[in-house]
Amino acid sequence: MATIEATPAADPAAAGARPRTRRHRVGGHPREWVWGYLMVLPLLAGLGVFYLWPIAQSVYFSFTEWGAFGGQRWVGTANYRDFLSDPELPKAAWNTLRYSLLVLLAIPLSVVLAALLNQVRDRHVALYRTLYFLPVVSMPAAVAMVWRWLYNGDYGLINYLLSLVGVDGPHWVSDERFTVYAMAVVGVWASLGYNMIIFSAGLKSVPRHYYEAAAIDGAGRVRQFFAITLPLLSPSIFFVSVLSVIGGLQMFDTVLMMLGKSNPALAGSKTVAYLFYEDAFLDNRQGMASAVAVVLMAVLLLLTAVQFRLQKKWVHYE
């Protein structure tokens, strides 16, 4: 049989030739990044026109004073000094902080409900999720009016149910001692559906063999929940907590619709966002309102940065 001998490849170094190296372009072909920028241009344009430009305008207007018929005059930091010295600010800030912390109670409730629904293998589980999600798609004004009727101190359903067990219910939305807690209950109830959707999606991504291995080792349902479910669900919990804090600090519509302008408890139940509404639309102080908005935005950015800093200690992404 004829044999074929393989000839060794010529050695570039031995032949005195310079070895060839492959060069990679970092930016690629110019047409590629040009088309890439063209594809994201509509998004960037919308972001700039509807978000970045209004923010820049608000920052500028916060250093101005507006006249009754338009026009503005530069006043420097006077609006910020007036806002920070406003006697209503401490109470409004305390109400906003309390509401934001109370609304966070929806997170553990949503985790438990999502875990329970995830265990259900019934054909009606989709109906349960839809019922929980209905408050999310309902109009905030309609939700506030329904809860205002439920909280009515004279003929509300809540006080009626309390009277059946011998409890004389208070005036929930006309006594400032209870207004923040009453509105927090509405906030928790309204956010359960959205939180459950996020947590349900996170639960579906948890591998089932983790639970099977834990069951073989003798871990019960409660132990599996705290040792497997919560750590692997921590990214979703962190995401929901950031959104909950942002939504709580911006709480306004519930105060306006549930209490009303003639409510005697309104003076002690205002939030920072409600102060912005008063300055912008009732007192026609656009510069002051812009200063309130800028301060609130700065607080939101600071708290969000703190949350992102702290999440490194308890959020598990693996």
C-alpha atoms as a PDB file:
ATOM      1  CA  MET A   1       0.000   0.000   0.000  1.00  0.00           C
ATOM      2  CA  ALA A   2       1.180   3.433  -0.749  1.00  0.00           C
ATOM      3  CA  THR A   3       1.803   5.583   2.226  1.00  0.00           C
ATOM      4  CA  ILE A   4       1.288   9.252   2.345  1.00  0.00           C
ATOM      5  CA  GLU A   5       3.824  11.162   4.351  1.00  0.00           C
ATOM      6  CA  ALA A   6       2.709  14.379   5.976  1.00  0.00           C
ATOM      7  CA  THR A   7       5.030  17.214   5.365  1.00  0.00           C
ATOM      8  CA  PRO A   8       5.511  19.528   8.316  1.00  0.00           C
ATOM      9  CA  ALA A   9       4.185  23.022   7.962  1.00  0.00           C
ATOM     10  CA  ALA A  10       6.691  25.629   7.229  1.00  0.00           C
ATOM     11  CA  ASP A  11       7.865  27.482  10.321  1.00  0.00           C
ATOM     12  CA  PRO A  12       7.516  31.232   9.760  1.00  0.00           C
ATOM     13  CA  ALA A  13      10.229  31.962  12.289  1.00  0.00           C
ATOM     14  CA  ALA A  14      12.609  29.464  10.675  1.00  0.00           C
ATOM     15  CA  ALA A  15      11.932  30.882   7.246  1.00  0.00           C
ATOM     16  CA  GLY A  16      12.645  34.368   8.498  1.00  0.00           C
ATOM     17  CA  ALA A  17       9.060  35.464   7.961  1.00  0.00           C
ATOM     18  CA  ARG A  18       7.189  37.537  10.548  1.00  0.00           C
ATOM     19  CA  PRO A  19       4.407  35.560  12.272  1.00  0.00           C
ATOM     20  CA  ARG A  20       0.946  36.750  11.367  1.00  0.00           C
ATOM     21  CA  THR A  21      -1.296  37.912  14.214  1.00  0.00           C
ATOM     22  CA  ARG A  22      -5.032  38.495  14.093  1.00  0.00           C
ATOM     23  CA  ARG A  23      -6.103  41.998  14.927  1.00  0.00           C
ATOM     24  CA  HIS A  24      -9.521  42.692  16.421  1.00  0.00           C
ATOM     25  CA  ARG A  25     -11.210  45.998  16.044  1.00  0.00           C
ATOM     26  CA  VAL A  26     -12.749  47.163  19.267  1.00  0.00           C
ATOM     27  CA  GLY A  27     -15.428  49.249  17.623  1.00  0.00           C
ATOM     28  CA  GLY A  28     -16.183  46.948  14.726  1.00  0.00           C
ATOM     29  CA  HIS A  29     -17.122  48.212  11.319  1.00  0.00           C
ATOM     30  CA  PRO A  30     -18.334  51.838  11.324  1.00  0.00           C
ATOM     31  CA  ARG A  31     -21.612  50.811   9.756  1.00  0.00           C
ATOM     32  CA  GLU A  32     -22.345  48.517  12.705  1.00  0.00           C
ATOM     33  CA  TRP A  33     -22.162  51.131  15.437  1.00  0.00           C
ATOM     34  CA  VAL A  34     -23.900  53.712  13.240  1.00  0.00           C
ATOM     35  CA  TRP A  35     -26.862  51.376  12.795  1.00  0.00           C
ATOM     36  CA  GLY A  36     -26.733  50.562  16.486  1.00  0.00           C
ATOM     37  CA  TYR A  37     -27.072  54.208  17.436  1.00  0.00           C
ATOM     38  CA  LEU A  38     -29.855  54.670  14.892  1.00  0.00           C
ATOM     39  CA  MET A  39     -31.791  51.801  16.466  1.00  0.00           C
ATOM     40  CA  VAL A  40     -31.597  53.274  19.992  1.00  0.00           C
ATOM     41  CA  LEU A  41     -32.100  56.867  18.812  1.00  0.00           C
ATOM     42  CA  PRO A  42     -35.909  56.865  19.322  1.00  0.00           C
ATOM     43  CA  LEU A  43     -35.452  55.605  22.877  1.00  0.00           C
ATOM     44  CA  LEU A  44     -32.728  58.138  23.612  1.00  0.00           C
ATOM     45  CA  ALA A  45     -34.839  60.926  22.112  1.00  0.00           C
ATOM     46  CA  GLY A  46     -37.834  59.998  24.249  1.00  0.00           C
ATOM     47  CA  LEU A  47     -35.659  59.727  27.337  1.00  0.00           C
ATOM     48  CA  GLY A  48     -34.132  63.121  26.689  1.00  0.00           C
ATOM     49  CA  VAL A  49     -37.351  64.947  25.798  1.00  0.00           C
ATOM     50  CA  PHE A  50     -39.699  63.469  28.409  1.00  0.00           C
ATOM     51  CA  TYR A  51     -37.295  62.810  31.309  1.00  0.00           C
ATOM     52  CA  LEU A  52     -33.914  64.552  31.188  1.00  0.00           C
ATOM     53  CA  TRP A  53     -35.120  67.883  29.794  1.00  0.00           C
ATOM     54  CA  PRO A  54     -37.990  68.266  32.324  1.00  0.00           C
ATOM     55  CA  ILE A  55     -35.546  67.450  35.125  1.00  0.00           C
ATOM     56  CA  ALA A  56     -33.155  70.107  33.879  1.00  0.00           C
ATOM     57  CA  GLN A  57     -36.010  72.621  33.614  1.00  0.00           C
ATOM     58  CA  SER A  58     -37.189  71.841  37.149  1.00  0.00           C
ATOM     59  CA  VAL A  59     -33.691  72.379  38.513  1.00  0.00           C
ATOM     60  CA  TYR A  60     -33.494  75.748  36.739  1.00  0.00           C
ATOM     61  CA  PHE A  61     -36.997  76.834  37.764  1.00  0.00           C
ATOM     62  CA  SER A  62     -36.214  75.980  41.401  1.00  0.00           C
ATOM     63  CA  PHE A  63     -33.903  79.002  41.445  1.00  0.00           C
ATOM     64  CA  THR A  64     -36.549  81.344  40.050  1.00  0.00           C
ATOM     65  CA  GLU A  65     -39.748  83.039  41.171  1.00  0.00           C
ATOM     66  CA  TRP A  66     -42.752  83.099  38.869  1.00  0.00           C
ATOM     67  CA  GLY A  67     -45.169  85.951  38.461  1.00  0.00           C
ATOM     68  CA  ALA A  68     -48.940  85.647  38.467  1.00  0.00           C
ATOM     69  CA  PHE A  69     -49.100  86.066  34.682  1.00  0.00           C
ATOM     70  CA  GLY A  70     -45.973  84.109  33.753  1.00  0.00           C
ATOM     71  CA  GLY A  71     -42.340  85.029  33.516  1.00  0.00           C
ATOM     72  CA  GLN A  72     -39.703  84.229  36.066  1.00  0.00           C
ATOM     73  CA  ARG A  73     -37.076  86.067  38.082  1.00  0.00           C
ATOM     74  CA  TRP A  74     -33.823  84.608  39.376  1.00  0.00           C
ATOM     75  CA  VAL A  75     -33.873  84.379  43.194  1.00  0.00           C
ATOM     76  CA  GLY A  76     -31.007  81.977  43.844  1.00  0.00           C
ATOM     77  CA  THR A  77     -31.489  79.540  46.714  1.00  0.00           C
ATOM     78  CA  ALA A  78     -34.387  81.468  48.288  1.00  0.00           C
ATOM     79  CA  ASN A  79     -36.909  78.756  47.369  1.00  0.00           C
ATOM     80  CA  TYR A  80     -34.822  76.073  49.033  1.00  0.00           C
ATOM     81  CA  ARG A  81     -34.409  78.152  52.181  1.00  0.00           C
ATOM     82  CA  ASP A  82     -38.141  78.842  52.340  1.00  0.00           C
ATOM     83  CA  PHE A  83     -38.991  75.182  51.792  1.00  0.00           C
ATOM     84  CA  LEU A  84     -36.548  73.857  54.393  1.00  0.00           C
ATOM     85  CA  SER A  85     -37.861  76.401  56.913  1.00  0.00           C
ATOM     86  CA  ASP A  86     -41.510  75.637  56.157  1.00  0.00           C
ATOM     87  CA  PRO A  87     -43.255  74.743  59.466  1.00  0.00           C
ATOM     88  CA  GLU A  88     -45.294  72.077  57.654  1.00  0.00           C
ATOM     89  CA  LEU A  89     -42.220  70.236  56.350  1.00  0.00           C
ATOM     90  CA  PRO A  90     -41.273  68.219  59.480  1.00  0.00           C
ATOM     91  CA  LYS A  91     -44.776  66.787  59.846  1.00  0.00           C
ATOM     92  CA  ALA A  92     -45.076  66.105  56.111  1.00  0.00           C
ATOM     93  CA  ALA A  93     -41.660  64.413  56.038  1.00  0.00           C
ATOM     94  CA  TRP A  94     -42.579  62.268  59.050  1.00  0.00           C
ATOM     95  CA  ASN A  95     -45.872  61.238  57.428  1.00  0.00           C
ATOM     96  CA  THR A  96     -44.069  60.370  54.198  1.00  0.00           C
ATOM     97  CA  LEU A  97     -41.465  58.309  56.044  1.00  0.00           C
ATOM     98  CA  ARG A  98     -44.084  56.440  58.070  1.00  0.00           C
ATOM     99  CA  TYR A  99     -46.125  55.655  54.987  1.00  0.00           C
ATOM    100  CA  SER A 100     -43.075  54.439  53.068  1.00  0.00           C
ATOM    101  CA  LEU A 101     -42.052  52.107  55.899  1.00  0.00           C
ATOM    102  CA  LEU A 102     -45.566  50.761  56.413  1.00  0.00           C
ATOM    103  CA  VAL A 103     -46.017  50.029  52.715  1.00  0.00           C
ATOM    104  CA  LEU A 104     -42.942  47.774  52.904  1.00  0.00           C
ATOM    105  CA  LEU A 105     -45.104  45.359  54.918  1.00  0.00           C
ATOM    106  CA  ALA A 106     -46.634  44.359  51.591  1.00  0.00           C
ATOM    107  CA  ILE A 107     -43.363  42.637  50.644  1.00  0.00           C
ATOM    108  CA  PRO A 108     -43.450  39.764  53.188  1.00  0.00           C
ATOM    109  CA  LEU A 109     -47.191  39.354  52.638  1.00  0.00           C
ATOM    110  CA  SER A 110     -46.663  39.152  48.882  1.00  0.00           C
ATOM    111  CA  VAL A 111     -43.837  36.639  49.265  1.00  0.00           C
ATOM    112  CA  VAL A 112     -45.989  34.348  51.406  1.00  0.00           C
ATOM    113  CA  LEU A 113     -48.996  34.621  49.105  1.00  0.00           C
ATOM    114  CA  ALA A 114     -46.879  34.049  45.993  1.00  0.00           C
ATOM    115  CA  ALA A 115     -45.255  30.994  47.609  1.00  0.00           C
ATOM    116  CA  LEU A 116     -48.655  29.593  48.556  1.00  0.00           C
ATOM    117  CA  LEU A 117     -50.078  30.161  45.071  1.00  0.00           C
ATOM    118  CA  ASN A 118     -46.961  28.593  43.589  1.00  0.00           C
ATOM    119  CA  GLN A 119     -47.741  25.396  45.493  1.00  0.00           C
ATOM    120  CA  VAL A 120     -51.319  25.265  44.250  1.00  0.00           C
ATOM    121  CA  ARG A 121     -51.882  22.925  41.321  1.00  0.00           C
ATOM    122  CA  ASP A 122     -55.501  23.901  40.843  1.00  0.00           C
ATOM    123  CA  ARG A 123     -56.898  25.089  37.531  1.00  0.00           C
ATOM    124  CA  HIS A 124     -58.321  28.164  39.257  1.00  0.00           C
ATOM    125  CA  VAL A 125     -54.903  29.504  40.319  1.00  0.00           C
ATOM    126  CA  ALA A 126     -54.956  31.924  37.352  1.00  0.00           C
ATOM    127  CA  LEU A 127     -58.253  33.318  38.645  1.00  0.00           C
ATOM    128  CA  TYR A 128     -56.738  33.895  42.087  1.00  0.00           C
ATOM    129  CA  ARG A 129     -53.809  35.762  40.573  1.00  0.00           C
ATOM    130  CA  THR A 130     -56.174  37.884  38.499  1.00  0.00           C
ATOM    131  CA  LEU A 131     -58.219  38.831  41.559  1.00  0.00           C
ATOM    132  CA  TYR A 132     -55.086  39.865  43.433  1.00  0.00           C
ATOM    133  CA  PHE A 133     -53.914  41.906  40.431  1.00  0.00           C
ATOM    134  CA  LEU A 134     -57.182  43.815  39.939  1.00  0.00           C
ATOM    135  CA  PRO A 135     -56.242  46.676  42.333  1.00  0.00           C
ATOM    136  CA  VAL A 136     -53.153  47.355  40.203  1.00  0.00           C
ATOM    137  CA  VAL A 137     -55.181  48.067  37.067  1.00  0.00           C
ATOM    138  CA  SER A 138     -57.954  49.936  38.914  1.00  0.00           C
ATOM    139  CA  MET A 139     -58.068  53.716  38.832  1.00  0.00           C
ATOM    140  CA  PRO A 140     -56.419  55.188  41.964  1.00  0.00           C
ATOM    141  CA  ALA A 141     -59.243  57.722  42.352  1.00  0.00           C
ATOM    142  CA  ALA A 142     -61.876  54.964  42.297  1.00  0.00           C
ATOM    143  CA  VAL A 143     -59.896  52.862  44.760  1.00  0.00           C
ATOM    144  CA  ALA A 144     -59.510  55.823  47.117  1.00  0.00           C
ATOM    145  CA  MET A 145     -63.225  56.636  46.993  1.00  0.00           C
ATOM    146  CA  VAL A 146     -64.209  53.035  47.764  1.00  0.00           C
ATOM    147  CA  TRP A 147     -61.843  52.889  50.730  1.00  0.00           C
ATOM    148  CA  ARG A 148     -63.063  56.301  51.882  1.00  0.00           C
ATOM    149  CA  TRP A 149     -66.546  54.835  52.126  1.00  0.00           C
ATOM    150  CA  LEU A 150     -65.245  51.745  53.925  1.00  0.00           C
ATOM    151  CA  TYR A 151     -63.402  53.936  56.449  1.00  0.00           C
ATOM    152  CA  ASN A 152     -66.349  56.240  57.107  1.00  0.00           C
ATOM    153  CA  GLY A 153     -66.711  56.642  60.842  1.00  0.00           C
ATOM    154  CA  ASP A 154     -70.530  56.878  60.828  1.00  0.00           C
ATOM    155  CA  TYR A 155     -71.749  54.317  58.303  1.00  0.00           C
ATOM    156  CA  GLY A 156     -68.602  52.644  56.968  1.00  0.00           C
ATOM    157  CA  LEU A 157     -68.430  48.881  56.579  1.00  0.00           C
ATOM    158  CA  ILE A 158     -65.298  48.534  58.703  1.00  0.00           C
ATOM    159  CA  ASN A 159     -66.809  50.223  61.735  1.00  0.00           C
ATOM    160  CA  TYR A 160     -70.004  48.228  61.229  1.00  0.00           C
ATOM    161  CA  LEU A 161     -68.070  44.963  61.378  1.00  0.00           C
ATOM    162  CA  LEU A 162     -66.217  46.204  64.449  1.00  0.00           C
ATOM    163  CA  SER A 163     -69.524  47.067  66.126  1.00  0.00           C
ATOM    164  CA  LEU A 164     -70.636  43.452  65.755  1.00  0.00           C
ATOM    165  CA  VAL A 165     -67.891  42.433  68.191  1.00  0.00           C
ATOM    166  CA  GLY A 166     -68.471  45.362  70.516  1.00  0.00           C
ATOM    167  CA  VAL A 167     -65.710  47.662  69.246  1.00  0.00           C
ATOM    168  CA  ASP A 168     -66.460  51.324  68.629  1.00  0.00           C
ATOM    169  CA  GLY A 169     -64.393  52.165  65.569  1.00  0.00           C
ATOM    170  CA  PRO A 170     -62.785  55.611  65.214  1.00  0.00           C
ATOM    171  CA  HIS A 171     -63.132  58.090  62.388  1.00  0.00           C
ATOM    172  CA  TRP A 172     -60.337  56.624  60.287  1.00  0.00           C
ATOM    173  CA  VAL A 173     -60.007  59.372  57.688  1.00  0.00           C
ATOM    174  CA  SER A 174     -60.978  62.409  59.750  1.00  0.00           C
ATOM    175  CA  ASP A 175     -58.690  61.824  62.747  1.00  0.00           C
ATOM    176  CA  GLU A 176     -55.029  62.502  61.996  1.00  0.00           C
ATOM    177  CA  ARG A 177     -53.986  59.860  64.520  1.00  0.00           C
ATOM    178  CA  PHE A 178     -55.226  57.156  62.146  1.00  0.00           C
ATOM    179  CA  THR A 179     -55.077  58.667  58.664  1.00  0.00           C
ATOM    180  CA  VAL A 180     -51.515  57.599  57.784  1.00  0.00           C
ATOM    181  CA  TYR A 181     -52.149  54.036  58.962  1.00  0.00           C
ATOM    182  CA  ALA A 182     -55.447  53.907  57.079  1.00  0.00           C
ATOM    183  CA  MET A 183     -53.773  55.072  53.876  1.00  0.00           C
ATOM    184  CA  ALA A 184     -50.922  52.610  54.431  1.00  0.00           C
ATOM    185  CA  VAL A 185     -53.427  49.746  54.527  1.00  0.00           C
ATOM    186  CA  VAL A 186     -54.726  50.902  51.151  1.00  0.00           C
ATOM    187  CA  GLY A 187     -51.173  51.087  49.820  1.00  0.00           C
ATOM    188  CA  VAL A 188     -50.371  47.563  51.020  1.00  0.00           C
ATOM    189  CA  TRP A 189     -53.596  46.182  49.564  1.00  0.00           C
ATOM    190  CA  ALA A 190     -53.063  47.918  46.227  1.00  0.00           C
ATOM    191  CA  SER A 191     -49.462  46.698  45.815  1.00  0.00           C
ATOM    192  CA  LEU A 192     -50.023  43.039  46.673  1.00  0.00           C
ATOM    193  CA  GLY A 193     -50.971  42.048  43.128  1.00  0.00           C
ATOM    194  CA  TYR A 194     -47.984  43.638  41.414  1.00  0.00           C
ATOM    195  CA  ASN A 195     -45.552  42.276  43.997  1.00  0.00           C
ATOM    196  CA  MET A 196     -47.010  38.789  43.692  1.00  0.00           C
ATOM    197  CA  ILE A 197     -46.492  38.785  39.919  1.00  0.00           C
ATOM    198  CA  ILE A 198     -42.809  39.644  40.390  1.00  0.00           C
ATOM    199  CA  PHE A 199     -42.344  37.058  43.127  1.00  0.00           C
ATOM    200  CA  SER A 200     -44.221  34.379  41.208  1.00  0.00           C
ATOM    201  CA  ALA A 201     -41.865  34.856  38.273  1.00  0.00           C
ATOM    202  CA  GLY A 202     -38.900  34.623  40.638  1.00  0.00           C
ATOM    203  CA  LEU A 203     -40.212  31.446  42.239  1.00  0.00           C
ATOM    204  CA  LYS A 204     -40.584  29.742  38.887  1.00  0.00           C
ATOM    205  CA  SER A 205     -36.868  30.257  38.243  1.00  0.00           C
ATOM    206  CA  VAL A 206     -35.857  28.353  41.402  1.00  0.00           C
ATOM    207  CA  PRO A 207     -34.697  24.822  40.411  1.00  0.00           C
ATOM    208  CA  ARG A 208     -36.981  22.125  41.779  1.00  0.00           C
ATOM    209  CA  HIS A 209     -34.110  19.784  42.612  1.00  0.00           C
ATOM    210  CA  TYR A 210     -33.086  22.146  45.421  1.00  0.00           C
ATOM    211  CA  TYR A 211     -36.343  21.397  47.214  1.00  0.00           C
ATOM    212  CA  GLU A 212     -36.063  17.690  46.425  1.00  0.00           C
ATOM    213  CA  ALA A 213     -32.568  17.531  47.897  1.00  0.00           C
ATOM    214  CA  ALA A 214     -33.696  19.469  50.977  1.00  0.00           C
ATOM    215  CA  ALA A 215     -36.669  17.108  51.434  1.00  0.00           C
ATOM    216  CA  ILE A 216     -34.345  14.108  51.265  1.00  0.00           C
ATOM    217  CA  ASP A 217     -32.197  15.695  53.987  1.00  0.00           C
ATOM    218  CA  GLY A 218     -35.300  16.024  56.135  1.00  0.00           C
ATOM    219  CA  ALA A 219     -36.041  19.731  55.750  1.00  0.00           C
ATOM    220  CA  GLY A 220     -39.703  20.638  56.053  1.00  0.00           C
ATOM    221  CA  ARG A 221     -41.669  23.243  54.119  1.00  0.00           C
ATOM    222  CA  VAL A 222     -40.858  26.042  56.563  1.00  0.00           C
ATOM    223  CA  ARG A 223     -37.146  25.211  56.566  1.00  0.00           C
ATOM    224  CA  GLN A 224     -37.116  25.054  52.760  1.00  0.00           C
ATOM    225  CA  PHE A 225     -38.817  28.449  52.590  1.00  0.00           C
ATOM    226  CA  PHE A 226     -36.197  30.202  54.719  1.00  0.00           C
ATOM    227  CA  ALA A 227     -33.170  28.269  53.458  1.00  0.00           C
ATOM    228  CA  ILE A 228     -33.965  28.090  49.733  1.00  0.00           C
ATOM    229  CA  THR A 229     -36.883  30.289  48.693  1.00  0.00           C
ATOM    230  CA  LEU A 230     -35.946  33.516  50.428  1.00  0.00           C
ATOM    231  CA  PRO A 231     -32.230  33.561  49.472  1.00  0.00           C
ATOM    232  CA  LEU A 232     -32.952  32.756  45.820  1.00  0.00           C
ATOM    233  CA  LEU A 233     -35.835  35.239  45.778  1.00  0.00           C
ATOM    234  CA  SER A 234     -33.702  38.055  47.235  1.00  0.00           C
ATOM    235  CA  PRO A 235     -33.085  39.781  43.833  1.00  0.00           C
ATOM    236  CA  SER A 236     -36.848  40.075  43.309  1.00  0.00           C
ATOM    237  CA  ILE A 237     -37.335  41.257  46.893  1.00  0.00           C
ATOM    238  CA  PHE A 238     -34.674  43.921  46.385  1.00  0.00           C
ATOM    239  CA  PHE A 239     -36.302  45.098  43.141  1.00  0.00           C
ATOM    240  CA  VAL A 240     -39.729  45.358  44.758  1.00  0.00           C
ATOM    241  CA  SER A 241     -38.331  47.129  47.824  1.00  0.00           C
ATOM    242  CA  VAL A 242     -36.729  49.828  45.663  1.00  0.00           C
ATOM    243  CA  LEU A 243     -39.994  50.420  43.796  1.00  0.00           C
ATOM    244  CA  SER A 244     -41.984  50.411  47.060  1.00  0.00           C
ATOM    245  CA  VAL A 245     -39.787  53.070  48.659  1.00  0.00           C
ATOM    246  CA  ILE A 246     -39.965  55.253  45.536  1.00  0.00           C
ATOM    247  CA  GLY A 247     -43.754  54.889  45.375  1.00  0.00           C
ATOM    248  CA  GLY A 248     -44.150  55.568  49.097  1.00  0.00           C
ATOM    249  CA  LEU A 249     -42.146  58.788  48.985  1.00  0.00           C
ATOM    250  CA  GLN A 250     -44.249  60.012  46.063  1.00  0.00           C
ATOM    251  CA  MET A 251     -47.595  59.276  47.738  1.00  0.00           C
ATOM    252  CA  PHE A 252     -50.099  61.987  46.865  1.00  0.00           C
ATOM    253  CA  ASP A 253     -53.294  60.798  45.169  1.00  0.00           C
ATOM    254  CA  THR A 254     -54.453  58.762  48.169  1.00  0.00           C
ATOM    255  CA  VAL A 255     -54.174  61.803  50.435  1.00  0.00           C
ATOM    256  CA  LEU A 256     -56.086  64.020  48.033  1.00  0.00           C
ATOM    257  CA  MET A 257     -58.887  61.580  47.249  1.00  0.00           C
ATOM    258  CA  MET A 258     -59.369  59.915  50.638  1.00  0.00           C
ATOM    259  CA  LEU A 259     -59.133  62.998  52.830  1.00  0.00           C
ATOM    260  CA  GLY A 260     -60.304  65.902  50.687  1.00  0.00           C
ATOM    261  CA  LYS A 261     -59.446  69.572  51.025  1.00  0.00           C
ATOM    262  CA  SER A 262     -62.064  70.261  53.711  1.00  0.00           C
ATOM    263  CA  ASN A 263     -61.031  67.376  55.963  1.00  0.00           C
ATOM    264  CA  PRO A 264     -59.941  68.578  59.437  1.00  0.00           C
ATOM    265  CA  ALA A 265     -57.246  65.876  59.496  1.00  0.00           C
ATOM    266  CA  LEU A 266     -55.597  67.079  56.294  1.00  0.00           C
ATOM    267  CA  ALA A 267     -53.336  69.594  58.045  1.00  0.00           C
ATOM    268  CA  GLY A 268     -51.669  66.820  60.033  1.00  0.00           C
ATOM    269  CA  SER A 269     -51.697  64.209  57.243  1.00  0.00           C
ATOM    270  CA  LYS A 270     -49.908  65.976  54.405  1.00  0.00           C
ATOM    271  CA  THR A 271     -46.961  64.416  52.634  1.00  0.00           C
ATOM    272  CA  VAL A 272     -44.032  66.048  50.840  1.00  0.00           C
ATOM    273  CA  ALA A 273     -45.673  65.338  47.483  1.00  0.00           C
ATOM    274  CA  TYR A 274     -48.833  67.057  48.739  1.00  0.00           C
ATOM    275  CA  LEU A 275     -46.781  70.146  49.612  1.00  0.00           C
ATOM    276  CA  PHE A 276     -45.604  70.164  46.006  1.00  0.00           C
ATOM    277  CA  TYR A 277     -49.236  70.019  44.842  1.00  0.00           C
ATOM    278  CA  GLU A 278     -50.181  72.972  47.070  1.00  0.00           C
ATOM    279  CA  ASP A 279     -47.283  75.111  45.875  1.00  0.00           C
ATOM    280  CA  ALA A 280     -47.726  74.291  42.186  1.00  0.00           C
ATOM    281  CA  PHE A 281     -51.508  74.256  41.737  1.00  0.00           C
ATOM    282  CA  LEU A 282     -53.091  76.021  44.714  1.00  0.00           C
ATOM    283  CA  ASP A 283     -50.644  78.799  45.630  1.00  0.00           C
ATOM    284  CA  ASN A 284     -49.196  79.223  42.115  1.00  0.00           C
ATOM    285  CA  ARG A 285     -45.622  79.188  43.421  1.00  0.00           C
ATOM    286  CA  GLN A 286     -43.945  77.347  40.583  1.00  0.00           C
ATOM    287  CA  GLY A 287     -40.415  78.068  41.759  1.00  0.00           C
ATOM    288  CA  MET A 288     -41.123  76.727  45.226  1.00  0.00           C
ATOM    289  CA  ALA A 289     -42.820  73.657  43.742  1.00  0.00           C
ATOM    290  CA  SER A 290     -39.771  73.005  41.584  1.00  0.00           C
ATOM    291  CA  ALA A 291     -37.562  73.228  44.669  1.00  0.00           C
ATOM    292  CA  VAL A 292     -39.766  70.678  46.445  1.00  0.00           C
ATOM    293  CA  ALA A 293     -39.540  68.367  43.434  1.00  0.00           C
ATOM    294  CA  VAL A 294     -35.738  68.681  43.269  1.00  0.00           C
ATOM    295  CA  VAL A 295     -35.340  67.978  46.985  1.00  0.00           C
ATOM    296  CA  LEU A 296     -37.649  64.982  46.756  1.00  0.00           C
ATOM    297  CA  MET A 297     -35.720  63.680  43.736  1.00  0.00           C
ATOM    298  CA  ALA A 298     -32.440  64.066  45.628  1.00  0.00           C
ATOM    299  CA  VAL A 299     -33.826  62.123  48.576  1.00  0.00           C
ATOM    300  CA  LEU A 300     -35.050  59.379  46.243  1.00  0.00           C
ATOM    301  CA  LEU A 301     -31.640  59.133  44.592  1.00  0.00           C
ATOM    302  CA  LEU A 302     -29.913  59.011  47.977  1.00  0.00           C
ATOM    303  CA  LEU A 303     -32.162  56.297  49.392  1.00  0.00           C
ATOM    304  CA  THR A 304     -31.911  54.265  46.201  1.00  0.00           C
ATOM    305  CA  ALA A 305     -28.113  54.512  46.331  1.00  0.00           C
ATOM    306  CA  VAL A 306     -28.177  53.337  49.961  1.00  0.00           C
ATOM    307  CA  GLN A 307     -30.384  50.403  49.015  1.00  0.00           C
ATOM    308  CA  PHE A 308     -28.034  49.426  46.198  1.00  0.00           C
ATOM    309  CA  ARG A 309     -25.137  49.677  48.626  1.00  0.00           C
ATOM    310  CA  LEU A 310     -26.794  47.509  51.253  1.00  0.00           C
ATOM    311  CA  GLN A 311     -28.063  44.900  48.795  1.00  0.00           C
ATOM    312  CA  LYS A 312     -24.525  43.542  48.435  1.00  0.00           C
ATOM    313  CA  LYS A 313     -24.839  42.088  51.937  1.00  0.00           C
ATOM    314  CA  TRP A 314     -28.114  40.195  51.558  1.00  0.00           C
ATOM    315  CA  VAL A 315     -29.002  39.756  47.872  1.00  0.00           C
ATOM    316  CA  HIS A 316     -27.809  36.515  46.260  1.00  0.00           C
ATOM    317  CA  TYR A 317     -27.556  36.426  42.473  1.00  0.00           C
ATOM    318  CA  GLU A 318     -26.202  32.890  42.204  1.00  0.00           C
END
